[in-house]
Amino acid sequence: MNKEEQMLQKRLIELSELSYRRDIVTFSDFLNLNELNILHTIPRDMLSSRYETFGGYEPAERQMAAFLPDALYYEYRYPISVIRITPANRKFAEDLTHRDFLGGILHLGIERSCLGDLLVDDSACHVFVTEAMADFICENLTRIRHTVVRAGKIDGASFSYTPKLETIRGTVASVRLDSVLSVAFPMSRSRLTGLIEGGKVFVNGKLITSNGYRLKEGDIISVRGMGKLAYQGVLSETKKGRQFVQVGKYI
């Protein structure tokens, strides 16, 4: 663990202690996959309170941690706002990508930790942000590349998102992590091994470095730089004992 990761771990432990000591809910900023893994691997005896994570919608990759006092007797809400960004005039709009929207927001001087996931479709970008930065972004984000845009907050409670998945099926000897990855990412076994052992693969937000890790139906697999998968289970077994599996590849 490098110095920056040690500082994050210390900060998370402090938030947990503050929650316990003051009997309040405390929140982290948005955490990426590696940072979430640091949280998940903190020894339980170093955390004074339990925690939950959420990113504004169910399959979010970047998430906040909420540290909860033992005697929590009231409902709490994550300090997350949802902003919808649309071109001011579709006729003159460029085809903007995730990278374009992210770059435009960061250009305002926003820290990446204040931003959750960005969901881009043909007509708009929805971005999850800390409540403290929402108004600033809405007031100051007027252009992405050469496209004039409008940004405004929407009701996060009514926001719904259904990810688009490409269904991929294939046969594997077993539901090991490396085998299932080979169904979605056709590449050499050595390259897949390199990704896993090199700390690029996360299952349900936890770093997995073992090729033989056995997946369970419903597991979400994130491969940094390559995309995200939903392991959807075994469909059948062949006469030779191989398993016919299905995964959904996020597109």
Protein backbone atom coordinates (compact mmCIF):
# COMPACT_ATOMS: atom_id res chain seq x y z
CA MET A 1 0.00 0.00 0.00
CA ASN A 2 1.49 3.34 -1.05
CA LYS A 3 1.37 6.57 0.96
CA GLU A 4 -1.76 7.86 -0.78
CA GLU A 5 -3.60 4.60 -0.10
CA GLN A 6 -2.47 4.65 3.53
CA MET A 7 -3.85 8.19 3.89
CA LEU A 8 -7.20 7.07 2.43
CA GLN A 9 -7.36 4.13 4.81
CA LYS A 10 -6.65 6.44 7.73
CA ARG A 11 -9.36 8.87 6.58
CA LEU A 12 -11.95 6.08 6.31
CA ILE A 13 -11.08 4.81 9.79
CA GLU A 14 -11.45 8.37 11.12
CA LEU A 15 -14.91 8.71 9.52
CA SER A 16 -15.94 5.43 11.13
CA GLU A 17 -14.70 6.60 14.53
CA LEU A 18 -16.47 9.94 14.15
CA SER A 19 -19.73 8.17 13.38
CA TYR A 20 -19.38 6.02 16.49
CA ARG A 21 -18.26 8.82 18.78
CA ARG A 22 -20.92 11.37 17.77
CA ASP A 23 -23.67 8.87 16.96
CA ILE A 24 -24.15 10.34 13.48
CA VAL A 25 -23.92 9.11 9.88
CA THR A 26 -20.70 10.18 8.15
CA PHE A 27 -19.94 9.97 4.44
CA SER A 28 -16.86 9.62 2.31
CA ASP A 29 -16.44 11.21 -1.11
CA PHE A 30 -17.01 8.99 -4.14
CA LEU A 31 -14.58 6.06 -4.10
CA ASN A 32 -13.26 4.30 -7.20
CA LEU A 33 -12.85 0.54 -7.43
CA ASN A 34 -9.38 0.50 -5.92
CA GLU A 35 -10.47 2.80 -3.08
CA LEU A 36 -13.55 0.68 -2.41
CA ASN A 37 -11.30 -2.34 -2.19
CA ILE A 38 -9.17 -0.54 0.42
CA LEU A 39 -12.35 0.08 2.42
CA HIS A 40 -13.52 -3.54 2.11
CA THR A 41 -10.15 -4.89 3.25
CA ILE A 42 -9.79 -2.74 6.39
CA PRO A 43 -9.79 -5.19 9.34
CA ARG A 44 -13.14 -5.06 11.11
CA ASP A 45 -11.52 -4.39 14.46
CA MET A 46 -10.11 -1.12 13.05
CA LEU A 47 -13.57 0.22 12.19
CA SER A 48 -15.69 1.61 15.02
CA SER A 49 -18.95 1.45 13.07
CA ARG A 50 -20.50 -0.54 10.27
CA TYR A 51 -20.75 0.88 6.78
CA GLU A 52 -22.73 0.66 3.56
CA THR A 53 -21.89 1.93 0.07
CA PHE A 54 -24.03 3.47 -2.67
CA GLY A 55 -23.42 5.48 -5.81
CA GLY A 56 -26.83 6.96 -6.57
CA TYR A 57 -28.22 3.98 -8.51
CA GLU A 58 -28.01 0.24 -8.04
CA PRO A 59 -25.13 -0.92 -10.31
CA ALA A 60 -22.96 2.18 -9.72
CA GLU A 61 -19.22 1.61 -9.94
CA ARG A 62 -18.06 4.73 -8.07
CA GLN A 63 -19.72 4.81 -4.65
CA MET A 64 -19.81 6.73 -1.39
CA ALA A 65 -19.34 4.98 1.93
CA ALA A 66 -21.81 5.75 4.72
CA PHE A 67 -20.57 4.94 8.23
CA LEU A 68 -23.50 4.15 10.51
CA PRO A 69 -23.74 4.34 14.31
CA ASP A 70 -24.87 1.16 16.03
CA ALA A 71 -28.04 2.76 17.36
CA LEU A 72 -29.22 4.08 14.01
CA TYR A 73 -32.92 4.71 14.52
CA TYR A 74 -33.70 7.07 11.66
CA GLU A 75 -33.56 6.99 7.90
CA TYR A 76 -30.60 8.63 6.24
CA ARG A 77 -29.94 9.89 2.74
CA TYR A 78 -26.71 9.95 0.79
CA PRO A 79 -25.60 13.52 -0.10
CA ILE A 80 -25.74 12.74 -3.82
CA SER A 81 -27.33 14.89 -6.52
CA VAL A 82 -28.10 13.88 -10.10
CA ILE A 83 -27.39 16.38 -12.87
CA ARG A 84 -28.74 16.04 -16.40
CA ILE A 85 -26.59 17.63 -19.12
CA THR A 86 -28.09 18.18 -22.57
CA PRO A 87 -27.07 20.15 -25.69
CA ALA A 88 -28.75 23.54 -25.87
CA ASN A 89 -29.43 22.85 -29.54
CA ARG A 90 -29.40 19.27 -30.79
CA LYS A 91 -29.03 20.41 -34.40
CA PHE A 92 -25.59 21.89 -33.77
CA ALA A 93 -24.41 19.41 -31.14
CA GLU A 94 -21.32 17.23 -31.50
CA ASP A 95 -21.33 13.54 -30.70
CA LEU A 96 -20.05 13.83 -27.15
CA THR A 97 -18.49 10.89 -25.32
CA HIS A 98 -18.07 9.96 -21.66
CA ARG A 99 -14.53 11.37 -21.85
CA ASP A 100 -15.83 14.68 -23.24
CA PHE A 101 -18.40 15.15 -20.47
CA LEU A 102 -15.94 14.17 -17.74
CA GLY A 103 -13.27 16.48 -19.12
CA GLY A 104 -15.70 19.39 -19.32
CA ILE A 105 -16.69 19.01 -15.68
CA LEU A 106 -13.14 18.53 -14.41
CA HIS A 107 -12.11 21.63 -16.38
CA LEU A 108 -14.24 23.64 -13.92
CA GLY A 109 -11.75 22.68 -11.21
CA ILE A 110 -13.89 19.90 -9.74
CA GLU A 111 -12.05 17.10 -7.96
CA ARG A 112 -12.72 13.62 -9.40
CA SER A 113 -13.69 12.43 -5.90
CA CYS A 114 -16.73 14.75 -6.06
CA LEU A 115 -18.07 12.88 -9.08
CA GLY A 116 -19.65 9.46 -9.27
CA ASP A 117 -20.59 7.64 -12.45
CA LEU A 118 -21.46 9.39 -15.70
CA LEU A 119 -24.19 7.73 -17.76
CA VAL A 120 -24.18 8.83 -21.40
CA ASP A 121 -26.85 8.07 -23.97
CA ASP A 122 -27.81 9.57 -27.31
CA SER A 123 -29.59 12.57 -25.88
CA ALA A 124 -28.05 13.38 -22.50
CA CYS A 125 -25.48 12.69 -19.81
CA HIS A 126 -26.54 12.00 -16.23
CA VAL A 127 -23.80 12.56 -13.68
CA PHE A 128 -23.84 11.79 -9.96
CA VAL A 129 -22.14 14.44 -7.85
CA THR A 130 -21.76 15.43 -4.22
CA GLU A 131 -24.56 17.76 -3.16
CA ALA A 132 -22.02 20.44 -2.25
CA MET A 133 -20.86 20.76 -5.87
CA ALA A 134 -24.18 20.36 -7.71
CA ASP A 135 -25.21 24.02 -7.91
CA PHE A 136 -21.71 25.11 -8.90
CA ILE A 137 -21.66 22.66 -11.80
CA CYS A 138 -25.16 23.64 -12.96
CA GLU A 139 -24.26 27.34 -12.92
CA ASN A 140 -20.86 27.07 -14.58
CA LEU A 141 -21.01 24.17 -17.03
CA THR A 142 -22.08 25.84 -20.27
CA ARG A 143 -19.94 24.17 -22.90
CA ILE A 144 -18.56 20.70 -23.67
CA ARG A 145 -15.92 20.94 -26.39
CA HIS A 146 -17.64 23.23 -28.94
CA THR A 147 -21.18 22.31 -27.91
CA VAL A 148 -23.24 24.68 -25.76
CA VAL A 149 -24.97 22.67 -23.03
CA ARG A 150 -27.51 23.08 -20.25
CA ALA A 151 -27.08 21.42 -16.88
CA GLY A 152 -29.75 21.05 -14.23
CA LYS A 153 -30.54 18.93 -11.19
CA ILE A 154 -33.21 16.27 -11.40
CA ASP A 155 -34.98 14.25 -8.72
CA GLY A 156 -32.60 11.45 -7.82
CA ALA A 157 -35.34 9.46 -6.07
CA SER A 158 -37.25 9.08 -9.31
CA PHE A 159 -34.20 8.44 -11.48
CA SER A 160 -34.08 4.97 -12.98
CA TYR A 161 -31.44 3.35 -15.11
CA THR A 162 -31.44 0.05 -16.94
CA PRO A 163 -27.99 -0.82 -18.26
CA LYS A 164 -27.66 -2.07 -21.81
CA LEU A 165 -26.10 -5.53 -21.83
CA GLU A 166 -24.75 -7.59 -24.68
CA THR A 167 -25.49 -11.25 -24.00
CA ILE A 168 -22.49 -13.53 -24.52
CA ARG A 169 -22.51 -17.31 -24.07
CA GLY A 170 -19.75 -19.87 -24.12
CA THR A 171 -18.49 -23.10 -22.60
CA VAL A 172 -15.94 -23.26 -19.81
CA ALA A 173 -14.34 -26.07 -17.84
CA SER A 174 -15.45 -24.39 -14.60
CA VAL A 175 -16.77 -21.05 -13.37
CA ARG A 176 -13.31 -19.82 -12.47
CA LEU A 177 -12.75 -16.11 -12.94
CA ASP A 178 -10.21 -16.52 -15.73
CA SER A 179 -12.44 -18.96 -17.62
CA VAL A 180 -15.50 -16.71 -17.50
CA LEU A 181 -13.45 -13.68 -18.52
CA SER A 182 -12.25 -15.58 -21.59
CA VAL A 183 -15.87 -15.87 -22.75
CA ALA A 184 -16.34 -12.09 -22.79
CA PHE A 185 -12.80 -11.05 -23.71
CA PRO A 186 -11.31 -13.43 -26.30
CA MET A 187 -7.62 -13.20 -25.56
CA SER A 188 -4.76 -15.42 -24.54
CA ARG A 189 -4.80 -17.09 -21.14
CA SER A 190 -1.49 -15.41 -20.30
CA ARG A 191 -2.94 -11.95 -20.92
CA LEU A 192 -6.00 -12.72 -18.81
CA THR A 193 -3.74 -14.00 -16.04
CA GLY A 194 -1.75 -10.79 -16.28
CA LEU A 195 -4.87 -8.68 -15.85
CA ILE A 196 -6.00 -10.62 -12.78
CA GLU A 197 -2.64 -10.91 -11.08
CA GLY A 198 -1.84 -7.31 -12.03
CA GLY A 199 -4.71 -5.96 -9.91
CA LYS A 200 -7.01 -4.97 -12.77
CA VAL A 201 -10.04 -7.15 -11.95
CA PHE A 202 -12.67 -6.50 -9.29
CA VAL A 203 -15.65 -8.64 -8.34
CA ASN A 204 -18.47 -6.78 -6.57
CA GLY A 205 -16.02 -3.97 -5.83
CA LYS A 206 -13.38 -6.22 -4.28
CA LEU A 207 -9.97 -6.73 -5.86
CA ILE A 208 -9.46 -10.34 -6.91
CA THR A 209 -5.95 -11.52 -7.84
CA SER A 210 -6.61 -15.27 -7.97
CA ASN A 211 -7.31 -16.81 -11.38
CA GLY A 212 -9.20 -19.63 -9.69
CA TYR A 213 -11.70 -17.43 -7.87
CA ARG A 214 -15.10 -19.08 -8.30
CA LEU A 215 -17.91 -16.81 -9.42
CA LYS A 216 -21.50 -16.84 -8.18
CA GLU A 217 -24.55 -15.94 -10.26
CA GLY A 218 -25.16 -12.19 -10.09
CA ASP A 219 -21.51 -11.24 -9.53
CA ILE A 220 -20.45 -7.99 -11.18
CA ILE A 221 -16.96 -8.12 -12.69
CA SER A 222 -15.08 -4.91 -13.53
CA VAL A 223 -11.89 -5.03 -15.58
CA ARG A 224 -10.10 -1.71 -15.48
CA GLY A 225 -9.66 -0.28 -18.95
CA MET A 226 -11.81 -2.95 -20.59
CA GLY A 227 -15.33 -2.76 -19.17
CA LYS A 228 -17.81 -4.43 -16.87
CA LEU A 229 -19.64 -7.76 -16.90
CA ALA A 230 -22.55 -9.34 -15.09
CA TYR A 231 -22.06 -13.08 -14.58
CA GLN A 232 -25.51 -14.54 -15.22
CA GLY A 233 -24.88 -18.17 -14.39
CA VAL A 234 -24.67 -21.67 -15.85
CA LEU A 235 -27.29 -22.46 -18.49
CA SER A 236 -26.50 -26.15 -18.96
CA GLU A 237 -23.76 -28.76 -18.88
CA THR A 238 -22.32 -30.52 -21.91
CA LYS A 239 -21.90 -34.27 -22.23
CA LYS A 240 -18.18 -33.80 -21.62
CA GLY A 241 -18.81 -32.04 -18.32
CA ARG A 242 -18.13 -28.49 -19.53
CA GLN A 243 -20.47 -25.73 -18.43
CA PHE A 244 -22.38 -23.49 -20.79
CA VAL A 245 -22.41 -20.03 -19.16
CA GLN A 246 -23.90 -16.64 -19.90
CA VAL A 247 -22.51 -13.17 -19.15
CA GLY A 248 -23.90 -9.72 -19.84
CA LYS A 249 -21.35 -7.23 -21.13
CA TYR A 250 -22.15 -3.60 -20.34
CA ILE A 251 -22.26 -1.46 -23.50
